Amino acid sequence: MTPPLSKMTLAAPHQRSRPILAPLRQRWRLAASALVLLILLAAGLVALAYHQGFVVRGLAVDAATAFLTHVRHREYSAAYVLLAPDLTAHQTEQAFAAAMDAIRQTDGPVTDLAARELHNDGSLTVVGFDVTRSIRGGFSTHISLLQDTSGRWLVSGIDDL
């Protein structure tokens, strides 16, 4: 038997929506909390990477990267300009370009490069790179640099290319 309409109690519209909105609000709070945690985790990883030296940076690194990038794109004149005078005194620009092309023929073009370390003991600055060539594959190399009198970084040695 159905109770008479006068004895039925109807909830107000705002009370009826509470059970539906409560789980939705909880989901939004949970999603917002998870997003904040992810942002904090990402910021912490970036800070750790900088602190641990995973991100190598500086003007010497920029010069060494520019040199390898010019070699990668066969811009040998631009790469030659970044060589220190003691290297250019022993090799002409044409001989340098020929040597770079010979390496490109045997080992393949540079397909990837990444600076991985920087050492500076006051008298010598060395930047370590991970380099990949299409035929040879991946290998590590070190580029020595010095600063000229104007403060410009120049490549003074390469152990492998």
C-alpha atoms as a PDB file:
ATOM      1  CA  MET A   1       0.000   0.000   0.000  1.00  0.00           C
ATOM      2  CA  THR A   2       1.319   3.428  -0.945  1.00  0.00           C
ATOM      3  CA  PRO A   3       1.395   6.039   1.789  1.00  0.00           C
ATOM      4  CA  PRO A   4      -0.732   9.051   1.150  1.00  0.00           C
ATOM      5  CA  LEU A   5       0.925  11.928  -0.659  1.00  0.00           C
ATOM      6  CA  SER A   6       0.599  14.137   2.390  1.00  0.00           C
ATOM      7  CA  LYS A   7       2.825  11.792   4.422  1.00  0.00           C
ATOM      8  CA  MET A   8       5.587  11.516   1.754  1.00  0.00           C
ATOM      9  CA  THR A   9       8.525  13.763   2.293  1.00  0.00           C
ATOM     10  CA  LEU A  10      10.285  15.079  -0.737  1.00  0.00           C
ATOM     11  CA  ALA A  11      13.864  16.244  -0.495  1.00  0.00           C
ATOM     12  CA  ALA A  12      14.661  19.726  -1.598  1.00  0.00           C
ATOM     13  CA  PRO A  13      16.448  19.908  -5.013  1.00  0.00           C
ATOM     14  CA  HIS A  14      19.778  20.931  -3.458  1.00  0.00           C
ATOM     15  CA  GLN A  15      19.661  17.951  -1.079  1.00  0.00           C
ATOM     16  CA  ARG A  16      18.959  15.457  -3.858  1.00  0.00           C
ATOM     17  CA  SER A  17      22.093  16.511  -5.797  1.00  0.00           C
ATOM     18  CA  ARG A  18      24.515  16.021  -2.897  1.00  0.00           C
ATOM     19  CA  PRO A  19      24.973  12.267  -3.285  1.00  0.00           C
ATOM     20  CA  ILE A  20      25.760  12.770  -6.980  1.00  0.00           C
ATOM     21  CA  LEU A  21      28.155  15.712  -6.536  1.00  0.00           C
ATOM     22  CA  ALA A  22      30.059  14.331  -3.542  1.00  0.00           C
ATOM     23  CA  PRO A  23      31.903  11.570  -5.490  1.00  0.00           C
ATOM     24  CA  LEU A  24      32.538  14.012  -8.328  1.00  0.00           C
ATOM     25  CA  ARG A  25      34.117  16.511  -5.942  1.00  0.00           C
ATOM     26  CA  GLN A  26      36.234  13.752  -4.428  1.00  0.00           C
ATOM     27  CA  ARG A  27      37.462  12.741  -7.883  1.00  0.00           C
ATOM     28  CA  TRP A  28      38.387  16.338  -8.703  1.00  0.00           C
ATOM     29  CA  ARG A  29      40.283  16.702  -5.417  1.00  0.00           C
ATOM     30  CA  LEU A  30      42.103  13.436  -6.058  1.00  0.00           C
ATOM     31  CA  ALA A  31      42.985  14.479  -9.634  1.00  0.00           C
ATOM     32  CA  ALA A  32      44.181  17.914  -8.481  1.00  0.00           C
ATOM     33  CA  SER A  33      46.316  16.327  -5.741  1.00  0.00           C
ATOM     34  CA  ALA A  34      47.843  13.887  -8.213  1.00  0.00           C
ATOM     35  CA  LEU A  35      48.631  16.733 -10.613  1.00  0.00           C
ATOM     36  CA  VAL A  36      50.338  18.754  -7.882  1.00  0.00           C
ATOM     37  CA  LEU A  37      52.412  15.704  -6.892  1.00  0.00           C
ATOM     38  CA  LEU A  38      53.464  15.124 -10.522  1.00  0.00           C
ATOM     39  CA  ILE A  39      54.506  18.755 -10.908  1.00  0.00           C
ATOM     40  CA  LEU A  40      56.547  18.590  -7.697  1.00  0.00           C
ATOM     41  CA  LEU A  41      58.152  15.327  -8.803  1.00  0.00           C
ATOM     42  CA  ALA A  42      59.097  16.792 -12.198  1.00  0.00           C
ATOM     43  CA  ALA A  43      60.551  19.915 -10.554  1.00  0.00           C
ATOM     44  CA  GLY A  44      62.547  17.739  -8.168  1.00  0.00           C
ATOM     45  CA  LEU A  45      63.942  15.634 -11.016  1.00  0.00           C
ATOM     46  CA  VAL A  46      64.994  18.732 -12.943  1.00  0.00           C
ATOM     47  CA  ALA A  47      66.701  20.160  -9.855  1.00  0.00           C
ATOM     48  CA  LEU A  48      68.475  16.842  -9.253  1.00  0.00           C
ATOM     49  CA  ALA A  49      69.622  16.682 -12.870  1.00  0.00           C
ATOM     50  CA  TYR A  50      71.165  20.147 -12.653  1.00  0.00           C
ATOM     51  CA  HIS A  51      72.751  19.395  -9.300  1.00  0.00           C
ATOM     52  CA  GLN A  52      74.202  16.041 -10.376  1.00  0.00           C
ATOM     53  CA  GLY A  53      75.601  17.421 -13.630  1.00  0.00           C
ATOM     54  CA  PHE A  54      73.249  15.536 -15.933  1.00  0.00           C
ATOM     55  CA  VAL A  55      72.615  18.777 -17.748  1.00  0.00           C
ATOM     56  CA  VAL A  56      75.915  20.132 -19.019  1.00  0.00           C
ATOM     57  CA  ARG A  57      75.937  23.842 -19.772  1.00  0.00           C
ATOM     58  CA  GLY A  58      78.232  26.802 -20.218  1.00  0.00           C
ATOM     59  CA  LEU A  59      80.051  28.771 -22.903  1.00  0.00           C
ATOM     60  CA  ALA A  60      82.725  26.102 -23.390  1.00  0.00           C
ATOM     61  CA  VAL A  61      80.003  23.493 -23.914  1.00  0.00           C
ATOM     62  CA  ASP A  62      78.260  25.816 -26.369  1.00  0.00           C
ATOM     63  CA  ALA A  63      81.472  26.213 -28.391  1.00  0.00           C
ATOM     64  CA  ALA A  64      82.169  22.461 -28.458  1.00  0.00           C
ATOM     65  CA  THR A  65      78.548  21.737 -29.401  1.00  0.00           C
ATOM     66  CA  ALA A  66      78.705  24.350 -32.177  1.00  0.00           C
ATOM     67  CA  PHE A  67      81.874  22.733 -33.536  1.00  0.00           C
ATOM     68  CA  LEU A  68      80.308  19.257 -33.633  1.00  0.00           C
ATOM     69  CA  THR A  69      77.074  20.622 -35.076  1.00  0.00           C
ATOM     70  CA  HIS A  70      79.009  22.289 -37.913  1.00  0.00           C
ATOM     71  CA  VAL A  71      80.808  18.999 -38.586  1.00  0.00           C
ATOM     72  CA  ARG A  72      77.469  17.175 -38.493  1.00  0.00           C
ATOM     73  CA  HIS A  73      76.023  19.507 -41.147  1.00  0.00           C
ATOM     74  CA  ARG A  74      79.231  19.502 -43.236  1.00  0.00           C
ATOM     75  CA  GLU A  75      79.778  23.202 -42.524  1.00  0.00           C
ATOM     76  CA  TYR A  76      83.519  22.690 -42.368  1.00  0.00           C
ATOM     77  CA  SER A  77      84.453  26.356 -42.821  1.00  0.00           C
ATOM     78  CA  ALA A  78      82.403  27.297 -39.765  1.00  0.00           C
ATOM     79  CA  ALA A  79      83.920  24.399 -37.788  1.00  0.00           C
ATOM     80  CA  TYR A  80      87.441  25.357 -38.871  1.00  0.00           C
ATOM     81  CA  VAL A  81      86.968  28.888 -37.522  1.00  0.00           C
ATOM     82  CA  LEU A  82      86.354  27.360 -34.072  1.00  0.00           C
ATOM     83  CA  LEU A  83      89.752  25.622 -34.047  1.00  0.00           C
ATOM     84  CA  ALA A  84      92.576  27.036 -31.940  1.00  0.00           C
ATOM     85  CA  PRO A  85      95.552  28.609 -33.784  1.00  0.00           C
ATOM     86  CA  ASP A  86      97.872  25.714 -32.912  1.00  0.00           C
ATOM     87  CA  LEU A  87      95.553  23.347 -34.823  1.00  0.00           C
ATOM     88  CA  THR A  88      95.012  25.618 -37.818  1.00  0.00           C
ATOM     89  CA  ALA A  89      98.788  26.181 -38.059  1.00  0.00           C
ATOM     90  CA  HIS A  90      99.261  22.484 -38.909  1.00  0.00           C
ATOM     91  CA  GLN A  91      96.279  21.968 -41.200  1.00  0.00           C
ATOM     92  CA  THR A  92      94.654  24.089 -43.890  1.00  0.00           C
ATOM     93  CA  GLU A  93      90.918  24.502 -44.102  1.00  0.00           C
ATOM     94  CA  GLN A  94      90.838  22.340 -47.252  1.00  0.00           C
ATOM     95  CA  ALA A  95      92.832  19.565 -45.546  1.00  0.00           C
ATOM     96  CA  PHE A  96      90.505  19.771 -42.522  1.00  0.00           C
ATOM     97  CA  ALA A  97      87.434  19.460 -44.774  1.00  0.00           C
ATOM     98  CA  ALA A  98      88.988  16.509 -46.609  1.00  0.00           C
ATOM     99  CA  ALA A  99      89.767  14.769 -43.310  1.00  0.00           C
ATOM    100  CA  MET A 100      86.209  15.324 -42.043  1.00  0.00           C
ATOM    101  CA  ASP A 101      84.771  13.953 -45.306  1.00  0.00           C
ATOM    102  CA  ALA A 102      87.042  10.903 -45.077  1.00  0.00           C
ATOM    103  CA  ILE A 103      85.770  10.166 -41.561  1.00  0.00           C
ATOM    104  CA  ARG A 104      82.199  10.696 -42.775  1.00  0.00           C
ATOM    105  CA  GLN A 105      82.782   8.159 -45.582  1.00  0.00           C
ATOM    106  CA  THR A 106      84.164   5.428 -43.312  1.00  0.00           C
ATOM    107  CA  ASP A 107      82.083   5.981 -40.138  1.00  0.00           C
ATOM    108  CA  GLY A 108      78.961   7.610 -41.573  1.00  0.00           C
ATOM    109  CA  PRO A 109      77.535  11.036 -40.823  1.00  0.00           C
ATOM    110  CA  VAL A 110      76.930  12.180 -37.258  1.00  0.00           C
ATOM    111  CA  THR A 111      73.304  11.403 -36.471  1.00  0.00           C
ATOM    112  CA  ASP A 112      73.203  12.389 -32.803  1.00  0.00           C
ATOM    113  CA  LEU A 113      75.324  14.153 -30.215  1.00  0.00           C
ATOM    114  CA  ALA A 114      74.876  15.127 -26.594  1.00  0.00           C
ATOM    115  CA  ALA A 115      77.202  16.834 -24.126  1.00  0.00           C
ATOM    116  CA  ARG A 116      77.496  14.651 -21.041  1.00  0.00           C
ATOM    117  CA  GLU A 117      80.286  16.114 -18.907  1.00  0.00           C
ATOM    118  CA  LEU A 118      82.414  19.177 -18.351  1.00  0.00           C
ATOM    119  CA  HIS A 119      85.809  19.195 -16.647  1.00  0.00           C
ATOM    120  CA  ASN A 120      87.758  22.338 -15.898  1.00  0.00           C
ATOM    121  CA  ASP A 121      90.851  22.194 -13.731  1.00  0.00           C
ATOM    122  CA  GLY A 122      91.819  25.829 -14.343  1.00  0.00           C
ATOM    123  CA  SER A 123      94.317  25.179 -17.115  1.00  0.00           C
ATOM    124  CA  LEU A 124      92.347  22.724 -19.252  1.00  0.00           C
ATOM    125  CA  THR A 125      88.660  22.568 -20.125  1.00  0.00           C
ATOM    126  CA  VAL A 126      87.316  19.320 -21.570  1.00  0.00           C
ATOM    127  CA  VAL A 127      83.767  18.587 -22.691  1.00  0.00           C
ATOM    128  CA  GLY A 128      82.699  14.966 -23.046  1.00  0.00           C
ATOM    129  CA  PHE A 129      80.145  13.998 -25.668  1.00  0.00           C
ATOM    130  CA  ASP A 130      78.159  10.953 -26.625  1.00  0.00           C
ATOM    131  CA  VAL A 131      78.206  10.846 -30.432  1.00  0.00           C
ATOM    132  CA  THR A 132      76.426   8.517 -32.836  1.00  0.00           C
ATOM    133  CA  ARG A 133      77.463   7.963 -36.445  1.00  0.00           C
ATOM    134  CA  SER A 134      75.272   6.055 -38.887  1.00  0.00           C
ATOM    135  CA  ILE A 135      77.856   3.333 -39.681  1.00  0.00           C
ATOM    136  CA  ARG A 136      80.066   3.294 -36.612  1.00  0.00           C
ATOM    137  CA  GLY A 137      77.309   3.626 -34.025  1.00  0.00           C
ATOM    138  CA  GLY A 138      77.635   5.282 -30.641  1.00  0.00           C
ATOM    139  CA  PHE A 139      80.898   6.304 -28.986  1.00  0.00           C
ATOM    140  CA  SER A 140      82.281   8.854 -26.525  1.00  0.00           C
ATOM    141  CA  THR A 141      84.633  11.657 -27.407  1.00  0.00           C
ATOM    142  CA  HIS A 142      86.314  14.510 -25.568  1.00  0.00           C
ATOM    143  CA  ILE A 143      86.917  17.988 -26.912  1.00  0.00           C
ATOM    144  CA  SER A 144      89.563  20.166 -25.262  1.00  0.00           C
ATOM    145  CA  LEU A 145      89.007  23.915 -25.338  1.00  0.00           C
ATOM    146  CA  LEU A 146      90.899  27.059 -24.507  1.00  0.00           C
ATOM    147  CA  GLN A 147      89.909  30.702 -24.308  1.00  0.00           C
ATOM    148  CA  ASP A 148      91.585  33.202 -26.589  1.00  0.00           C
ATOM    149  CA  THR A 149      92.456  36.726 -25.469  1.00  0.00           C
ATOM    150  CA  SER A 150      88.986  37.981 -26.407  1.00  0.00           C
ATOM    151  CA  GLY A 151      87.354  35.335 -24.198  1.00  0.00           C
ATOM    152  CA  ARG A 152      86.119  33.202 -27.093  1.00  0.00           C
ATOM    153  CA  TRP A 153      86.276  29.421 -26.606  1.00  0.00           C
ATOM    154  CA  LEU A 154      88.231  27.510 -29.268  1.00  0.00           C
ATOM    155  CA  VAL A 155      88.724  23.792 -29.857  1.00  0.00           C
ATOM    156  CA  SER A 156      92.302  22.830 -29.011  1.00  0.00           C
ATOM    157  CA  GLY A 157      92.010  19.062 -29.269  1.00  0.00           C
ATOM    158  CA  ILE A 158      89.701  16.161 -30.097  1.00  0.00           C
ATOM    159  CA  ASP A 159      90.411  12.618 -28.999  1.00  0.00           C
ATOM    160  CA  ASP A 160      88.016  10.908 -31.431  1.00  0.00           C
ATOM    161  CA  LEU A 161      85.652  12.049 -34.117  1.00  0.00           C
END
